[in-house]
Amino acid sequence: MTKLGEYFKTKSVNKAEISRKTGISKNRLSELSTKESAKIRGEEIYLIALAIDVAPTEILDVTCGDLKLRP
């Protein structure tokens, strides 16, 4: 499970509802939730955030918060 998948789980997110509200397919949401190789696009972050009523930065923090600059 990806970081986004874990986030969805803790928030009790209904992927079918997000799909309906955003136009992002259920298959794509499933891919983003389970495949580590799946890359989320900025538009998807923004639409998902709108659908679940959180700031897009919250999703960015969850999915990319472990990234660090090179020394």
N, C-alpha and C. Protein backbone atom coordinates (compact mmCIF):
# COMPACT_ATOMS: atom_id res chain seq x y z
N MET A 1 0.85 -1.18 0.00
CA MET A 1 0.00 0.00 0.00
C MET A 1 0.90 1.24 0.00
N THR A 2 0.50 2.25 -0.76
CA THR A 2 1.28 3.48 -0.86
C THR A 2 0.94 4.41 0.31
N LYS A 3 1.69 5.48 0.41
CA LYS A 3 1.41 6.49 1.44
C LYS A 3 0.02 7.09 1.24
N LEU A 4 -0.36 7.29 -0.02
CA LEU A 4 -1.70 7.82 -0.30
C LEU A 4 -2.76 6.80 0.11
N GLY A 5 -2.50 5.53 -0.15
CA GLY A 5 -3.42 4.48 0.25
C GLY A 5 -3.60 4.44 1.76
N GLU A 6 -2.50 4.57 2.49
CA GLU A 6 -2.57 4.61 3.95
C GLU A 6 -3.35 5.84 4.42
N TYR A 7 -3.13 6.96 3.75
CA TYR A 7 -3.86 8.19 4.08
C TYR A 7 -5.35 8.01 3.88
N PHE A 8 -5.73 7.43 2.74
CA PHE A 8 -7.14 7.15 2.47
C PHE A 8 -7.73 6.27 3.57
N LYS A 9 -6.96 5.28 3.99
CA LYS A 9 -7.43 4.34 5.01
C LYS A 9 -7.66 5.06 6.35
N THR A 10 -6.73 5.91 6.75
CA THR A 10 -6.89 6.61 8.03
C THR A 10 -8.02 7.63 7.99
N LYS A 11 -8.27 8.17 6.81
CA LYS A 11 -9.35 9.15 6.66
C LYS A 11 -10.70 8.50 6.35
N SER A 12 -10.71 7.18 6.21
CA SER A 12 -11.92 6.44 5.81
C SER A 12 -12.52 7.02 4.54
N VAL A 13 -11.67 7.20 3.56
CA VAL A 13 -12.06 7.80 2.28
C VAL A 13 -12.78 6.77 1.41
N ASN A 14 -13.87 7.21 0.79
CA ASN A 14 -14.61 6.39 -0.14
C ASN A 14 -14.13 6.71 -1.55
N LYS A 15 -13.37 5.79 -2.14
CA LYS A 15 -12.78 6.04 -3.45
C LYS A 15 -13.84 6.20 -4.54
N ALA A 16 -14.95 5.51 -4.42
CA ALA A 16 -16.03 5.65 -5.40
C ALA A 16 -16.59 7.06 -5.38
N GLU A 17 -16.71 7.62 -4.19
CA GLU A 17 -17.20 9.00 -4.05
C GLU A 17 -16.19 9.99 -4.62
N ILE A 18 -14.91 9.78 -4.35
CA ILE A 18 -13.88 10.66 -4.91
C ILE A 18 -13.91 10.57 -6.43
N SER A 19 -14.04 9.38 -6.95
CA SER A 19 -14.10 9.19 -8.39
C SER A 19 -15.28 9.96 -8.99
N ARG A 20 -16.42 9.84 -8.36
CA ARG A 20 -17.62 10.52 -8.86
C ARG A 20 -17.44 12.04 -8.84
N LYS A 21 -16.85 12.56 -7.78
CA LYS A 21 -16.69 14.01 -7.63
C LYS A 21 -15.59 14.58 -8.53
N THR A 22 -14.54 13.80 -8.76
CA THR A 22 -13.36 14.33 -9.46
C THR A 22 -13.24 13.94 -10.92
N GLY A 23 -13.85 12.83 -11.28
CA GLY A 23 -13.66 12.32 -12.64
C GLY A 23 -12.43 11.43 -12.76
N ILE A 24 -11.69 11.25 -11.66
CA ILE A 24 -10.56 10.32 -11.65
C ILE A 24 -11.14 8.91 -11.52
N SER A 25 -10.76 8.04 -12.42
CA SER A 25 -11.36 6.71 -12.42
C SER A 25 -11.04 5.94 -11.14
N LYS A 26 -11.91 5.01 -10.80
CA LYS A 26 -11.69 4.16 -9.63
C LYS A 26 -10.42 3.34 -9.81
N ASN A 27 -10.16 2.92 -11.04
CA ASN A 27 -8.94 2.15 -11.32
C ASN A 27 -7.70 2.98 -11.04
N ARG A 28 -7.73 4.26 -11.45
CA ARG A 28 -6.59 5.14 -11.22
C ARG A 28 -6.40 5.38 -9.71
N LEU A 29 -7.48 5.60 -8.98
CA LEU A 29 -7.38 5.79 -7.54
C LEU A 29 -6.83 4.54 -6.87
N SER A 30 -7.24 3.38 -7.35
CA SER A 30 -6.74 2.12 -6.82
C SER A 30 -5.24 1.98 -7.10
N GLU A 31 -4.85 2.34 -8.30
CA GLU A 31 -3.44 2.30 -8.68
C GLU A 31 -2.61 3.23 -7.78
N LEU A 32 -3.10 4.43 -7.56
CA LEU A 32 -2.40 5.39 -6.71
C LEU A 32 -2.32 4.91 -5.26
N SER A 33 -3.28 4.09 -4.86
CA SER A 33 -3.33 3.59 -3.48
C SER A 33 -2.48 2.35 -3.25
N THR A 34 -2.18 1.61 -4.32
CA THR A 34 -1.51 0.32 -4.13
C THR A 34 -0.16 0.18 -4.83
N LYS A 35 0.05 0.86 -5.93
CA LYS A 35 1.29 0.69 -6.70
C LYS A 35 2.32 1.76 -6.34
N GLU A 36 3.43 1.32 -5.77
CA GLU A 36 4.49 2.25 -5.40
C GLU A 36 5.04 2.98 -6.63
N SER A 37 4.96 2.37 -7.78
CA SER A 37 5.51 2.98 -8.99
C SER A 37 4.58 4.03 -9.60
N ALA A 38 3.35 4.11 -9.13
CA ALA A 38 2.39 5.08 -9.66
C ALA A 38 2.77 6.49 -9.20
N LYS A 39 2.76 7.42 -10.13
CA LYS A 39 3.09 8.81 -9.82
C LYS A 39 1.82 9.64 -9.87
N ILE A 40 1.58 10.37 -8.79
CA ILE A 40 0.38 11.20 -8.73
C ILE A 40 0.68 12.56 -9.37
N ARG A 41 -0.27 13.06 -10.13
CA ARG A 41 -0.12 14.35 -10.80
C ARG A 41 -0.69 15.46 -9.92
N GLY A 42 -0.21 16.66 -10.15
CA GLY A 42 -0.67 17.82 -9.40
C GLY A 42 -2.17 18.01 -9.48
N GLU A 43 -2.73 17.81 -10.66
CA GLU A 43 -4.18 17.97 -10.83
C GLU A 43 -4.95 16.97 -9.99
N GLU A 44 -4.41 15.76 -9.89
CA GLU A 44 -5.06 14.73 -9.09
C GLU A 44 -5.01 15.08 -7.60
N ILE A 45 -3.87 15.57 -7.15
CA ILE A 45 -3.76 16.00 -5.74
C ILE A 45 -4.79 17.06 -5.44
N TYR A 46 -4.88 18.05 -6.32
CA TYR A 46 -5.80 19.16 -6.10
C TYR A 46 -7.25 18.69 -6.08
N LEU A 47 -7.64 17.87 -7.04
CA LEU A 47 -9.02 17.39 -7.11
C LEU A 47 -9.38 16.49 -5.93
N ILE A 48 -8.46 15.61 -5.54
CA ILE A 48 -8.71 14.74 -4.39
C ILE A 48 -8.89 15.58 -3.14
N ALA A 49 -8.03 16.57 -2.97
CA ALA A 49 -8.13 17.46 -1.80
C ALA A 49 -9.48 18.17 -1.77
N LEU A 50 -9.94 18.66 -2.90
CA LEU A 50 -11.25 19.30 -2.95
C LEU A 50 -12.35 18.31 -2.58
N ALA A 51 -12.24 17.10 -3.08
CA ALA A 51 -13.27 16.08 -2.85
C ALA A 51 -13.39 15.67 -1.39
N ILE A 52 -12.25 15.66 -0.67
CA ILE A 52 -12.30 15.23 0.73
C ILE A 52 -12.18 16.40 1.70
N ASP A 53 -12.21 17.60 1.15
CA ASP A 53 -12.24 18.83 1.94
C ASP A 53 -11.02 18.99 2.85
N VAL A 54 -9.85 18.84 2.23
CA VAL A 54 -8.59 19.12 2.93
C VAL A 54 -7.75 20.01 2.03
N ALA A 55 -6.73 20.63 2.59
CA ALA A 55 -5.81 21.44 1.80
C ALA A 55 -4.93 20.52 0.95
N PRO A 56 -4.67 20.91 -0.30
CA PRO A 56 -3.78 20.09 -1.13
C PRO A 56 -2.42 19.86 -0.49
N THR A 57 -1.97 20.80 0.32
CA THR A 57 -0.67 20.63 0.98
C THR A 57 -0.67 19.46 1.96
N GLU A 58 -1.83 19.13 2.51
CA GLU A 58 -1.91 17.98 3.41
C GLU A 58 -1.58 16.70 2.66
N ILE A 59 -2.11 16.57 1.46
CA ILE A 59 -1.83 15.38 0.65
C ILE A 59 -0.38 15.37 0.20
N LEU A 60 0.14 16.55 -0.15
CA LEU A 60 1.56 16.64 -0.52
C LEU A 60 2.45 16.24 0.64
N ASP A 61 2.13 16.71 1.84
CA ASP A 61 2.92 16.35 3.02
C ASP A 61 2.92 14.85 3.23
N VAL A 62 1.77 14.22 3.04
CA VAL A 62 1.66 12.77 3.24
C VAL A 62 2.44 12.01 2.18
N THR A 63 2.30 12.41 0.93
CA THR A 63 2.90 11.66 -0.16
C THR A 63 4.36 12.01 -0.42
N CYS A 64 4.77 13.22 -0.09
CA CYS A 64 6.12 13.66 -0.42
C CYS A 64 6.90 14.21 0.77
N GLY A 65 6.34 14.11 1.95
CA GLY A 65 6.95 14.72 3.14
C GLY A 65 8.29 14.16 3.53
N ASP A 66 8.64 12.99 3.04
CA ASP A 66 9.93 12.39 3.39
C ASP A 66 11.04 12.80 2.45
N LEU A 67 10.73 13.54 1.41
CA LEU A 67 11.76 13.97 0.47
C LEU A 67 12.65 15.04 1.09
N LYS A 68 13.91 14.96 0.82
CA LYS A 68 14.89 15.91 1.35
C LYS A 68 15.78 16.42 0.24
N LEU A 69 16.27 17.64 0.42
CA LEU A 69 17.22 18.21 -0.52
C LEU A 69 18.58 17.53 -0.33
N ARG A 70 19.36 17.50 -1.36
CA ARG A 70 20.70 16.95 -1.26
C ARG A 70 21.58 17.93 -0.48
N PRO A 71 22.51 17.39 0.28
CA PRO A 71 23.39 18.29 1.06
C PRO A 71 24.36 19.05 0.16
